[in-house]
Amino acid sequence: MPPRFGKPQLFAVLLLLAFLGQCSWLLARIPLNASEFAYIQQGELQWHGKGMAGSLQRSPLAALAAAAPLLLIRFQSSVMDRRALHPWRWLLRLPFLGCGLLLGASLWYVSRRLYGNAGGYIALALYCFSPIAIAYSSAVRPEIAAAWGAFGVVFTTIALTHTLYAPRTLVLWNWPRIALLGISMALVTGAQFSLVTIVTPLALGFMLYLVPGRRPAALLTFAAAVVIALALLAGTYGFHPVVFWKALRNARWLDLMPGAFSSKLSYALMTTALLRSSPALVVLFAIALATYGLWKRPRYFGNAAPLLVAVTLLAVGIAMPYLAGFRHLLFMSPFLFVFVAGIFSDLLESSERALALGAVLGLVVLHVVFSLSVLARR
């Protein structure tokens, strides 16, 4: 049996430490902004029973997480202001930095299981030097929690599906994965209502596709995870059923603008945002997409699933209002990294291994240099 911690795991830890170092650079240099302060203030009020911190876009989850460190340090101030909280900005941002690190660890685990060490290295390197992931992990922002939750919903569903043919009692055998799926659903729903309406149908579709002979069991399993998610989500509303029901009824589950698809400006803005997030990543994706279309070997479910999720999130991002739409770049990125890692892993096992290795190494290095240059300008 191979060791559980060897050179691949050590390399992954080093990459995550590099990610942590870049986030720490931002944490040290950037003070709390007005948006971060609003989350903290709203969460602090709810913790003390003085209101409810949710909005039409998300539950109180992010605000409660942002203000939770104040309970640990027993922060007291007659008038809360940003200057008083500034010395504690590291602690206040820690829950969101934790989500960023856990998303990286999840990305490594999934990519390595699907594509081997090479896939894990490529996906994690792209993530750990992604300017957008670093920025959202270094601030009090719910989007990084939503991204981790969305990634968890899709790939936990796929992992759970592969156990449904096991000759064991359904619920008793799968309950740890069902609980994990429920937690992922609660996280993505609590952090961004609109995102769950995109990833959950896709995840359920993957489940039903993978187990055509056990679809009733798949639906029961998925329903059990939904119940867990609803229970956890209700907790963010203090288990007040009327408040919870009103929040769900009034939430903006998907605020689409279909007319955006006919606007050249929408595509220009999204293209600009993609290039600014990483020109090298755009080239990697273009190569991966062309390879997927022209070569039969990489056209299997392990590559198709992350591609479908990434393209769907990109399309929905174009069709959503300006601010909400660009958040989908963060949501899309982990799936894009997995897809790129999968295609290049196949290329590295082909007769063109030397060319593929040179291309991926060169472009990943450019990606790293670009990320560090963006960080240096902050």
Protein backbone atom coordinates (compact mmCIF):
# COMPACT_ATOMS: atom_id res chain seq x y z
CA MET A 1 0.00 0.00 0.00
CA PRO A 2 1.52 3.38 -0.97
CA PRO A 3 2.28 5.90 1.78
CA ARG A 4 -0.51 8.34 2.53
CA PHE A 5 1.92 11.26 2.62
CA GLY A 6 4.72 11.31 0.10
CA LYS A 7 6.27 13.62 -2.47
CA PRO A 8 2.97 14.45 -4.25
CA GLN A 9 1.35 15.52 -0.99
CA LEU A 10 4.43 17.51 0.00
CA PHE A 11 4.36 19.34 -3.32
CA ALA A 12 0.65 20.09 -2.81
CA VAL A 13 1.35 21.48 0.66
CA LEU A 14 4.09 23.72 -0.76
CA LEU A 15 1.70 25.07 -3.39
CA LEU A 16 -0.95 25.75 -0.76
CA LEU A 17 1.67 27.53 1.36
CA ALA A 18 2.47 29.69 -1.67
CA PHE A 19 -1.24 30.47 -1.92
CA LEU A 20 -1.33 31.31 1.79
CA GLY A 21 1.70 33.56 1.40
CA GLN A 22 0.06 35.56 -1.41
CA CYS A 23 -3.15 35.92 0.58
CA SER A 24 -1.14 37.02 3.63
CA TRP A 25 0.49 39.72 1.51
CA LEU A 26 -2.94 41.14 0.68
CA LEU A 27 -4.20 40.75 4.25
CA ALA A 28 -1.27 42.79 5.55
CA ARG A 29 -1.60 45.58 3.00
CA ILE A 30 -5.32 46.09 2.46
CA PRO A 31 -7.53 47.50 5.24
CA LEU A 32 -11.13 46.47 5.74
CA ASN A 33 -13.37 48.12 3.15
CA ALA A 34 -16.95 49.26 3.50
CA SER A 35 -18.40 46.03 2.11
CA GLU A 36 -16.43 43.87 4.53
CA PHE A 37 -17.39 46.10 7.44
CA ALA A 38 -21.07 45.81 6.49
CA TYR A 39 -20.92 41.99 6.63
CA ILE A 40 -19.17 42.10 10.02
CA GLN A 41 -21.58 44.66 11.45
CA GLN A 42 -24.68 42.80 10.28
CA GLY A 43 -23.35 39.51 11.58
CA GLU A 44 -22.47 41.03 14.94
CA LEU A 45 -26.00 42.37 15.30
CA GLN A 46 -27.53 38.98 14.52
CA TRP A 47 -25.23 37.18 16.96
CA HIS A 48 -26.61 39.47 19.65
CA GLY A 49 -30.24 39.02 18.59
CA LYS A 50 -30.65 42.49 17.11
CA GLY A 51 -31.64 41.64 13.57
CA MET A 52 -31.21 39.28 10.64
CA ALA A 53 -28.20 39.63 8.36
CA GLY A 54 -29.49 37.95 5.19
CA SER A 55 -30.30 39.58 1.86
CA LEU A 56 -32.12 38.73 -1.35
CA GLN A 57 -28.88 37.24 -2.73
CA ARG A 58 -27.69 35.16 0.23
CA SER A 59 -28.48 33.91 3.74
CA PRO A 60 -26.88 35.35 6.90
CA LEU A 61 -24.17 32.67 6.66
CA ALA A 62 -21.34 34.93 5.44
CA ALA A 63 -22.16 37.71 7.89
CA LEU A 64 -22.32 35.28 10.82
CA ALA A 65 -18.98 33.77 9.80
CA ALA A 66 -17.44 37.23 9.43
CA ALA A 67 -18.53 38.33 12.91
CA ALA A 68 -17.86 35.03 14.68
CA PRO A 69 -14.22 35.96 15.52
CA LEU A 70 -15.54 38.94 17.48
CA LEU A 71 -17.24 36.49 19.83
CA LEU A 72 -13.96 34.65 20.36
CA ILE A 73 -12.04 37.78 21.29
CA ARG A 74 -15.04 39.24 23.15
CA PHE A 75 -14.72 42.44 21.19
CA GLN A 76 -16.55 45.34 22.79
CA SER A 77 -17.00 48.81 21.40
CA SER A 78 -19.74 51.32 22.07
CA VAL A 79 -19.59 52.37 18.42
CA MET A 80 -18.28 49.81 15.95
CA ASP A 81 -16.18 51.34 13.20
CA ARG A 82 -13.62 50.13 10.72
CA ARG A 83 -10.70 51.69 12.57
CA ALA A 84 -11.52 49.74 15.71
CA LEU A 85 -11.67 46.50 13.72
CA HIS A 86 -8.54 47.13 11.67
CA PRO A 87 -6.12 45.39 14.11
CA TRP A 88 -8.34 42.30 13.92
CA ARG A 89 -8.64 42.13 10.12
CA TRP A 90 -6.54 38.96 9.94
CA LEU A 91 -8.83 37.14 12.32
CA LEU A 92 -12.01 38.48 10.72
CA ARG A 93 -10.92 37.33 7.28
CA LEU A 94 -9.72 33.94 8.52
CA PRO A 95 -12.99 32.01 7.81
CA PHE A 96 -12.84 33.08 4.17
CA LEU A 97 -9.13 32.36 3.85
CA GLY A 98 -9.92 28.93 5.27
CA CYS A 99 -12.52 28.39 2.54
CA GLY A 100 -9.94 29.34 -0.08
CA LEU A 101 -7.39 26.87 1.28
CA LEU A 102 -9.98 24.10 1.57
CA LEU A 103 -11.11 24.72 -2.00
CA GLY A 104 -7.49 24.31 -3.11
CA ALA A 105 -7.15 21.09 -1.13
CA SER A 106 -10.42 19.79 -2.60
CA LEU A 107 -9.26 20.68 -6.09
CA TRP A 108 -6.01 18.76 -5.56
CA TYR A 109 -7.82 15.73 -4.18
CA VAL A 110 -10.34 15.55 -7.01
CA SER A 111 -7.85 16.21 -9.83
CA ARG A 112 -5.34 13.69 -8.51
CA ARG A 113 -8.02 11.03 -8.09
CA LEU A 114 -9.26 11.63 -11.64
CA TYR A 115 -6.02 12.18 -13.53
CA GLY A 116 -3.09 11.13 -11.34
CA ASN A 117 -0.25 13.23 -9.97
CA ALA A 118 0.23 15.29 -13.12
CA GLY A 119 -3.40 16.38 -13.12
CA GLY A 120 -3.24 17.28 -9.46
CA TYR A 121 -0.10 19.38 -9.96
CA ILE A 122 -1.53 21.29 -12.93
CA ALA A 123 -4.91 22.04 -11.34
CA LEU A 124 -3.48 23.09 -7.98
CA ALA A 125 -0.74 25.25 -9.52
CA LEU A 126 -3.33 27.09 -11.60
CA TYR A 127 -5.50 27.63 -8.54
CA CYS A 128 -2.76 28.67 -6.10
CA PHE A 129 -1.60 31.41 -8.49
CA SER A 130 -5.03 32.55 -9.60
CA PRO A 131 -5.41 36.29 -8.91
CA ILE A 132 -9.18 36.01 -8.60
CA ALA A 133 -9.01 33.14 -6.09
CA ILE A 134 -6.36 34.97 -4.05
CA ALA A 135 -8.36 38.20 -4.00
CA TYR A 136 -11.61 36.57 -2.87
CA SER A 137 -9.84 34.42 -0.26
CA SER A 138 -8.21 37.50 1.28
CA ALA A 139 -11.37 39.44 2.10
CA VAL A 140 -14.65 39.10 3.91
CA ARG A 141 -16.57 38.00 0.84
CA PRO A 142 -19.11 35.14 0.59
CA GLU A 143 -18.16 34.23 -2.97
CA ILE A 144 -15.18 32.04 -2.00
CA ALA A 145 -17.44 30.00 0.30
CA ALA A 146 -19.96 29.69 -2.53
CA ALA A 147 -17.21 28.52 -4.91
CA TRP A 148 -16.07 25.84 -2.46
CA GLY A 149 -19.66 24.75 -1.91
CA ALA A 150 -20.38 24.54 -5.64
CA PHE A 151 -17.26 22.45 -6.23
CA GLY A 152 -18.28 20.20 -3.36
CA VAL A 153 -21.83 19.75 -4.64
CA VAL A 154 -20.72 18.59 -8.09
CA PHE A 155 -17.88 16.28 -7.14
CA THR A 156 -19.39 14.92 -3.93
CA THR A 157 -22.47 13.99 -5.97
CA ILE A 158 -20.29 12.18 -8.50
CA ALA A 159 -18.38 10.36 -5.74
CA LEU A 160 -21.61 9.45 -3.98
CA THR A 161 -23.12 8.13 -7.20
CA HIS A 162 -20.32 5.62 -7.67
CA THR A 163 -21.27 3.93 -4.39
CA LEU A 164 -24.92 3.32 -5.29
CA TYR A 165 -24.27 -0.06 -6.88
CA ALA A 166 -22.60 -1.36 -3.72
CA PRO A 167 -24.60 -4.27 -2.19
CA ARG A 168 -25.21 -2.48 1.10
CA THR A 169 -28.12 -0.66 2.71
CA LEU A 170 -28.38 2.70 0.92
CA VAL A 171 -28.59 5.24 3.71
CA LEU A 172 -26.45 3.42 6.28
CA TRP A 173 -23.61 2.89 3.83
CA ASN A 174 -23.64 6.34 2.21
CA TRP A 175 -24.52 8.60 5.14
CA PRO A 176 -21.06 10.25 5.48
CA ARG A 177 -21.11 11.28 1.82
CA ILE A 178 -24.76 12.29 2.03
CA ALA A 179 -23.93 14.51 5.00
CA LEU A 180 -20.98 16.02 3.10
CA LEU A 181 -23.21 16.70 0.10
CA GLY A 182 -25.80 18.33 2.37
CA ILE A 183 -23.12 20.55 3.92
CA SER A 184 -21.89 21.56 0.44
CA MET A 185 -25.45 22.41 -0.61
CA ALA A 186 -25.97 24.49 2.52
CA LEU A 187 -22.70 26.31 1.97
CA VAL A 188 -23.33 27.23 -1.65
CA THR A 189 -26.98 28.14 -1.00
CA GLY A 190 -26.16 30.17 2.07
CA ALA A 191 -23.39 32.10 0.34
CA GLN A 192 -25.05 32.69 -3.06
CA PHE A 193 -28.67 31.76 -3.76
CA SER A 194 -28.30 32.00 -7.53
CA LEU A 195 -25.39 29.56 -7.71
CA VAL A 196 -27.28 26.62 -6.21
CA THR A 197 -29.91 26.85 -8.95
CA ILE A 198 -27.15 26.24 -11.49
CA VAL A 199 -24.92 23.58 -9.94
CA THR A 200 -27.60 21.49 -8.22
CA PRO A 201 -29.53 20.55 -11.41
CA LEU A 202 -26.22 19.76 -13.12
CA ALA A 203 -25.11 17.57 -10.21
CA LEU A 204 -28.45 15.75 -10.15
CA GLY A 205 -28.22 15.26 -13.90
CA PHE A 206 -24.76 13.71 -13.52
CA MET A 207 -26.11 11.39 -10.82
CA LEU A 208 -29.03 10.17 -12.91
CA TYR A 209 -26.79 9.74 -15.96
CA LEU A 210 -24.23 7.64 -14.09
CA VAL A 211 -26.68 5.21 -12.46
CA PRO A 212 -29.50 4.52 -14.95
CA GLY A 213 -30.27 1.28 -13.12
CA ARG A 214 -30.62 2.88 -9.68
CA ARG A 215 -32.28 6.20 -10.32
CA PRO A 216 -34.87 5.85 -7.51
CA ALA A 217 -32.02 5.25 -5.04
CA ALA A 218 -30.15 8.22 -6.51
CA LEU A 219 -33.17 10.49 -6.06
CA LEU A 220 -33.65 9.31 -2.47
CA THR A 221 -30.00 9.94 -1.70
CA PHE A 222 -30.11 13.40 -3.25
CA ALA A 223 -33.32 14.23 -1.38
CA ALA A 224 -31.69 13.22 1.92
CA ALA A 225 -28.83 15.65 1.23
CA VAL A 226 -31.34 18.42 0.43
CA VAL A 227 -33.06 17.85 3.79
CA ILE A 228 -29.71 18.17 5.58
CA ALA A 229 -28.94 21.34 3.64
CA LEU A 230 -32.30 22.90 4.50
CA ALA A 231 -31.81 22.11 8.19
CA LEU A 232 -28.37 23.72 8.20
CA LEU A 233 -29.59 26.70 6.23
CA ALA A 234 -32.50 27.16 8.66
CA GLY A 235 -29.91 27.41 11.41
CA THR A 236 -28.51 30.58 9.87
CA TYR A 237 -31.95 32.10 10.35
CA GLY A 238 -32.06 31.06 13.99
CA PHE A 239 -34.51 28.23 13.22
CA HIS A 240 -37.34 30.74 12.88
CA PRO A 241 -39.63 28.98 10.38
CA VAL A 242 -41.57 32.08 9.33
CA VAL A 243 -38.41 34.13 8.76
CA PHE A 244 -36.80 31.21 6.92
CA TRP A 245 -39.80 30.70 4.66
CA LYS A 246 -40.03 34.41 3.80
CA ALA A 247 -36.31 34.49 3.00
CA LEU A 248 -36.62 31.53 0.63
CA ARG A 249 -39.75 32.92 -0.98
CA ASN A 250 -38.25 36.38 -1.60
CA ALA A 251 -34.74 35.25 -2.57
CA ARG A 252 -33.37 36.05 -6.01
CA TRP A 253 -32.64 32.51 -7.12
CA LEU A 254 -31.57 33.39 -10.65
CA ASP A 255 -31.50 36.98 -11.84
CA LEU A 256 -30.92 36.48 -15.56
CA MET A 257 -30.95 39.02 -18.36
CA PRO A 258 -31.43 36.93 -21.55
CA GLY A 259 -30.99 40.04 -23.67
CA ALA A 260 -27.32 40.09 -22.67
CA PHE A 261 -26.64 37.22 -25.07
CA SER A 262 -27.41 39.49 -28.01
CA SER A 263 -25.18 42.28 -26.75
CA LYS A 264 -21.62 42.51 -28.04
CA LEU A 265 -20.72 44.47 -24.92
CA SER A 266 -21.52 41.47 -22.68
CA TYR A 267 -19.06 39.27 -24.55
CA ALA A 268 -16.44 42.01 -24.67
CA LEU A 269 -16.68 42.54 -20.92
CA MET A 270 -16.43 38.84 -20.17
CA THR A 271 -13.51 38.37 -22.55
CA THR A 272 -11.70 41.29 -20.94
CA ALA A 273 -12.34 39.87 -17.49
CA LEU A 274 -11.02 36.45 -18.53
CA LEU A 275 -7.85 37.93 -19.99
CA ARG A 276 -7.29 40.05 -16.91
CA SER A 277 -7.75 37.03 -14.68
CA SER A 278 -4.93 35.21 -16.53
CA PRO A 279 -3.96 35.38 -20.22
CA ALA A 280 -2.01 32.11 -19.90
CA LEU A 281 -5.09 30.35 -18.54
CA VAL A 282 -7.11 31.49 -21.56
CA VAL A 283 -4.48 29.95 -23.84
CA LEU A 284 -4.44 26.73 -21.79
CA PHE A 285 -8.22 26.51 -22.00
CA ALA A 286 -8.18 27.15 -25.75
CA ILE A 287 -5.64 24.35 -26.28
CA ALA A 288 -7.59 22.01 -23.99
CA LEU A 289 -10.89 22.78 -25.71
CA ALA A 290 -9.42 22.24 -29.18
CA THR A 291 -7.85 18.97 -28.05
CA TYR A 292 -11.15 17.81 -26.58
CA GLY A 293 -12.92 18.54 -29.85
CA LEU A 294 -10.33 17.02 -32.19
CA TRP A 295 -9.10 14.00 -30.22
CA LYS A 296 -11.38 11.15 -29.21
CA ARG A 297 -9.37 9.89 -26.23
CA PRO A 298 -10.11 12.75 -23.74
CA ARG A 299 -13.85 12.74 -24.48
CA TYR A 300 -14.95 10.82 -21.40
CA PHE A 301 -17.12 11.75 -18.42
CA GLY A 302 -14.21 12.80 -16.16
CA ASN A 303 -13.38 15.60 -18.59
CA ALA A 304 -16.87 16.32 -19.88
CA ALA A 305 -18.41 17.01 -16.46
CA PRO A 306 -16.12 19.89 -15.37
CA LEU A 307 -16.25 21.34 -18.89
CA LEU A 308 -20.06 21.36 -18.88
CA VAL A 309 -20.17 23.05 -15.46
CA ALA A 310 -17.54 25.64 -16.45
CA VAL A 311 -19.27 26.53 -19.73
CA THR A 312 -22.67 26.75 -18.01
CA LEU A 313 -21.32 29.09 -15.34
CA LEU A 314 -19.62 31.20 -17.99
CA ALA A 315 -22.87 31.49 -19.97
CA VAL A 316 -24.89 32.35 -16.88
CA GLY A 317 -22.28 34.93 -15.92
CA ILE A 318 -22.79 36.65 -19.27
CA ALA A 319 -26.56 36.65 -18.76
CA MET A 320 -26.51 38.11 -15.25
CA PRO A 321 -26.25 41.73 -14.13
CA TYR A 322 -22.77 43.23 -14.17
CA LEU A 323 -21.58 42.60 -10.62
CA ALA A 324 -23.24 39.20 -10.20
CA GLY A 325 -22.06 38.06 -13.60
CA PHE A 326 -18.37 38.58 -12.95
CA ARG A 327 -18.55 36.63 -9.73
CA HIS A 328 -19.10 33.61 -11.94
CA LEU A 329 -15.48 33.81 -13.06
CA LEU A 330 -14.54 32.70 -9.57
CA PHE A 331 -17.23 30.02 -9.52
CA MET A 332 -16.16 28.75 -12.94
CA SER A 333 -12.40 28.72 -12.32
CA PRO A 334 -12.05 25.50 -10.24
CA PHE A 335 -13.98 23.49 -12.84
CA LEU A 336 -11.91 25.06 -15.60
CA PHE A 337 -8.70 24.10 -13.77
CA VAL A 338 -9.91 20.50 -13.46
CA PHE A 339 -10.78 20.33 -17.16
CA VAL A 340 -7.42 21.76 -18.25
CA ALA A 341 -5.62 19.36 -15.91
CA GLY A 342 -7.53 16.40 -17.34
CA ILE A 343 -6.81 17.23 -20.98
CA PHE A 344 -3.12 17.88 -20.41
CA SER A 345 -2.81 14.71 -18.36
CA ASP A 346 -4.02 12.81 -21.42
CA LEU A 347 -1.62 14.74 -23.66
CA LEU A 348 1.27 13.89 -21.34
CA GLU A 349 0.53 10.20 -21.91
CA SER A 350 0.43 10.55 -25.68
CA SER A 351 3.17 10.34 -28.30
CA GLU A 352 3.40 14.17 -28.14
CA ARG A 353 4.40 14.11 -24.48
CA ALA A 354 7.45 16.36 -24.90
CA LEU A 355 5.48 19.05 -26.72
CA ALA A 356 2.63 18.88 -24.20
CA LEU A 357 5.04 19.06 -21.27
CA GLY A 358 6.80 22.08 -22.71
CA ALA A 359 3.51 23.84 -23.40
CA VAL A 360 1.96 23.24 -20.01
CA LEU A 361 5.13 24.09 -18.09
CA GLY A 362 5.67 27.28 -20.06
CA LEU A 363 2.09 28.46 -19.72
CA VAL A 364 1.87 27.60 -16.01
CA VAL A 365 5.08 29.56 -15.41
CA LEU A 366 3.58 32.53 -17.30
CA HIS A 367 0.45 32.14 -15.18
CA VAL A 368 2.55 32.28 -12.00
CA VAL A 369 4.52 35.32 -13.19
CA PHE A 370 1.30 37.11 -14.12
CA SER A 371 -0.24 36.40 -10.71
CA LEU A 372 2.83 37.65 -8.84
CA SER A 373 2.94 40.80 -10.98
CA VAL A 374 -0.72 41.52 -10.18
CA LEU A 375 0.00 40.96 -6.49
CA ALA A 376 3.01 43.30 -6.57
CA ARG A 377 0.80 46.13 -7.85
CA ARG A 378 -1.60 45.86 -4.92
